[in-house]
Amino acid sequence: MNLYDTVYNYPTKNPEGFTGDEINKLLHDFPELDRKMFDDAMIGNTCMVIDGKAVMYHCDILTAIKCGLEHRDRTFQEWD
């Protein structure tokens, strides 16, 4: 399964995206991921609040994982 499918087919509670707990569980599948690069890529992303919890969109999680795996910052084109 490729990275896109892994993120978009992850069994999230909300179809809109990931809660913080779901993100942490997903990231356990990527031990080589640079968590600081992931966290930096998540700064400034749009999210929504459902049942009092922030929910992060799939596209932002995908981009942040790519940044963490590739040890890089988000590019200008990756900003939403």
Protein backbone atom coordinates (compact mmCIF):
# COMPACT_ATOMS: atom_id res chain seq x y z
CA MET A 1 0.00 0.00 0.00
CA ASN A 2 1.36 3.44 -0.84
CA LEU A 3 1.54 6.42 1.50
CA TYR A 4 -1.53 8.13 0.02
CA ASP A 5 -3.64 5.01 0.50
CA THR A 6 -2.29 4.49 4.01
CA VAL A 7 -3.40 7.98 5.06
CA TYR A 8 -6.68 8.18 3.19
CA ASN A 9 -7.79 4.65 4.12
CA TYR A 10 -6.86 4.93 7.79
CA PRO A 11 -9.91 4.13 9.93
CA THR A 12 -10.54 7.56 11.47
CA LYS A 13 -13.56 8.24 13.65
CA ASN A 14 -14.43 11.27 11.52
CA PRO A 15 -14.45 11.08 7.72
CA GLU A 16 -13.08 14.64 7.66
CA GLY A 17 -9.74 13.66 9.17
CA PHE A 18 -7.59 12.70 12.14
CA THR A 19 -7.76 13.47 15.84
CA GLY A 20 -4.50 13.86 17.73
CA ASP A 21 -4.74 10.33 19.12
CA GLU A 22 -5.28 8.92 15.62
CA ILE A 23 -2.28 10.84 14.31
CA ASN A 24 -0.07 9.41 17.04
CA LYS A 25 -1.27 5.86 16.31
CA LEU A 26 -0.66 6.33 12.58
CA LEU A 27 2.83 7.67 13.15
CA HIS A 28 3.83 4.50 15.02
CA ASP A 29 3.86 2.87 11.56
CA PHE A 30 6.68 5.25 10.56
CA PRO A 31 9.54 4.80 13.07
CA GLU A 32 12.00 6.47 10.68
CA LEU A 33 9.87 9.64 10.52
CA ASP A 34 11.47 12.85 11.84
CA ARG A 35 8.77 13.97 14.28
CA LYS A 36 10.10 17.54 14.45
CA MET A 37 9.82 17.89 10.67
CA PHE A 38 6.31 16.41 10.83
CA ASP A 39 5.28 18.83 13.59
CA ASP A 40 6.82 21.80 11.78
CA ALA A 41 4.89 20.89 8.62
CA MET A 42 1.64 20.85 10.62
CA ILE A 43 2.07 24.43 11.88
CA GLY A 44 -0.49 26.76 10.36
CA ASN A 45 -2.74 24.06 8.89
CA THR A 46 -6.47 24.55 8.80
CA CYS A 47 -8.45 22.17 10.98
CA MET A 48 -11.96 21.77 12.32
CA VAL A 49 -13.34 20.99 15.74
CA ILE A 50 -15.71 18.04 16.13
CA ASP A 51 -16.99 17.02 19.55
CA GLY A 52 -14.47 19.36 21.16
CA LYS A 53 -11.44 17.81 19.42
CA ALA A 54 -9.30 19.26 16.65
CA VAL A 55 -9.55 17.21 13.46
CA MET A 56 -6.74 17.51 10.92
CA TYR A 57 -7.42 16.98 7.23
CA HIS A 58 -5.99 13.94 5.44
CA CYS A 59 -4.11 16.09 2.92
CA ASP A 60 -2.23 17.91 5.69
CA ILE A 61 -1.30 14.65 7.42
CA LEU A 62 -0.04 13.24 4.12
CA THR A 63 2.13 16.29 3.45
CA ALA A 64 3.51 16.33 6.99
CA ILE A 65 4.41 12.63 6.82
CA LYS A 66 6.23 13.22 3.54
CA CYS A 67 8.18 16.06 5.16
CA GLY A 68 9.04 13.90 8.16
CA LEU A 69 10.16 10.97 6.03
CA GLU A 70 12.17 13.16 3.66
CA HIS A 71 13.66 15.31 6.49
CA ARG A 72 12.55 18.56 4.89
CA ASP A 73 10.34 21.59 5.33
CA ARG A 74 7.06 22.00 3.51
CA THR A 75 7.49 23.61 0.10
CA PHE A 76 5.61 26.72 -1.00
CA GLN A 77 3.47 24.59 -3.32
CA GLU A 78 2.44 22.36 -0.41
CA TRP A 79 0.87 25.18 1.59
CA ASP A 80 -2.90 25.14 1.43
